[in-house]
């Protein structure tokens, strides 16, 4: 299991378009991937799950992965969040 915390940089947070980019990136990996905000954890490969967290700009989230490519998955998602989704 690999875990990393990251601050959401973009103004709108993880809503529709950025959340779609996030999920597409998460789906590139074999590992199980979750995103956690406060005490709620959801599947990072689920659009409804990610949107249900209501993540806004300036929120700290935790990205967790477990599996063969867990470290690469977390690092790629952290980089995407830090870029402000300016892929």
Protein backbone atom coordinates (compact mmCIF):
# COMPACT_ATOMS: atom_id res chain seq x y z
CA UNK A 1 0.00 0.00 0.00
CA UNK A 2 1.28 3.45 -0.96
CA UNK A 3 -0.24 6.67 0.41
CA UNK A 4 0.37 10.36 -0.25
CA UNK A 5 -1.41 13.58 0.75
CA UNK A 6 -1.82 16.41 -1.74
CA UNK A 7 -3.47 19.85 -1.73
CA UNK A 8 -5.98 20.47 -4.54
CA UNK A 9 -4.59 23.51 -6.38
CA UNK A 10 -7.25 24.48 -8.92
CA UNK A 11 -10.09 26.83 -7.97
CA UNK A 12 -13.03 24.56 -8.77
CA UNK A 13 -11.56 21.46 -7.14
CA UNK A 14 -12.49 17.98 -8.33
CA UNK A 15 -15.72 18.75 -10.20
CA UNK A 16 -16.93 17.35 -13.53
CA UNK A 17 -14.02 17.96 -15.93
CA UNK A 18 -11.07 17.68 -13.52
CA UNK A 19 -12.71 14.66 -11.86
CA UNK A 20 -13.00 12.99 -15.26
CA UNK A 21 -9.27 13.53 -15.89
CA UNK A 22 -8.53 12.16 -12.41
CA UNK A 23 -10.60 9.01 -13.00
CA UNK A 24 -9.15 8.41 -16.45
CA UNK A 25 -5.65 8.60 -14.96
CA UNK A 26 -6.59 6.27 -12.07
CA UNK A 27 -7.97 3.75 -14.59
CA UNK A 28 -4.58 3.55 -16.34
CA UNK A 29 -3.30 1.50 -13.38
CA UNK A 30 -3.95 -2.08 -12.30
CA UNK A 31 -3.83 -1.21 -8.59
CA UNK A 32 -6.90 -0.46 -6.52
CA UNK A 33 -6.93 3.31 -5.99
CA UNK A 34 -8.87 5.35 -3.45
CA UNK A 35 -9.18 9.02 -2.65
CA UNK A 36 -9.86 10.15 0.89
CA UNK A 37 -11.16 13.48 2.18
CA UNK A 38 -11.44 13.85 5.93
CA UNK A 39 -12.68 10.41 7.02
CA UNK A 40 -14.48 9.42 3.78
CA UNK A 41 -12.81 7.08 1.31
CA UNK A 42 -14.08 6.38 -2.21
CA UNK A 43 -12.91 4.44 -5.23
CA UNK A 44 -10.77 6.83 -7.32
CA UNK A 45 -11.95 5.03 -10.46
CA UNK A 46 -15.59 5.99 -9.82
CA UNK A 47 -16.86 9.36 -11.09
CA UNK A 48 -19.82 9.38 -8.71
CA UNK A 49 -17.59 8.41 -5.80
CA UNK A 50 -15.08 11.19 -6.46
CA UNK A 51 -17.79 13.80 -7.08
CA UNK A 52 -19.60 12.75 -3.88
CA UNK A 53 -16.62 13.95 -1.81
CA UNK A 54 -17.30 17.56 -2.88
CA UNK A 55 -13.59 18.39 -3.14
CA UNK A 56 -12.99 22.12 -3.63
CA UNK A 57 -9.79 24.11 -4.24
CA UNK A 58 -7.53 24.30 -1.20
CA UNK A 59 -8.71 20.94 0.17
CA UNK A 60 -6.15 18.37 1.26
CA UNK A 61 -6.88 14.87 -0.03
CA UNK A 62 -5.15 11.55 0.47
CA UNK A 63 -4.49 9.25 -2.48
CA UNK A 64 -4.09 5.57 -1.64
CA UNK A 65 -3.18 2.70 -3.96
CA UNK A 66 -2.68 -0.99 -3.37
CA UNK A 67 -1.35 -3.35 -6.03
CA UNK A 68 1.40 -4.05 -8.54
CA UNK A 69 1.81 -0.43 -9.71
CA UNK A 70 0.65 1.33 -6.53
CA UNK A 71 3.57 3.77 -6.27
CA UNK A 72 3.35 4.87 -9.93
CA UNK A 73 -0.44 5.28 -9.59
CA UNK A 74 -0.19 7.55 -6.54
CA UNK A 75 2.69 9.59 -7.99
CA UNK A 76 0.84 10.11 -11.31
CA UNK A 77 -2.36 11.22 -9.56
CA UNK A 78 -0.48 13.53 -7.18
CA UNK A 79 1.29 15.12 -10.18
CA UNK A 80 -2.07 15.59 -11.94
CA UNK A 81 -3.63 17.26 -8.88
CA UNK A 82 -0.55 19.49 -8.37
CA UNK A 83 -0.67 20.58 -12.03
CA UNK A 84 -4.14 22.02 -11.40
CA UNK A 85 -5.35 19.59 -14.11
CA UNK A 86 -3.56 21.60 -16.78
CA UNK A 87 -2.47 18.27 -18.29
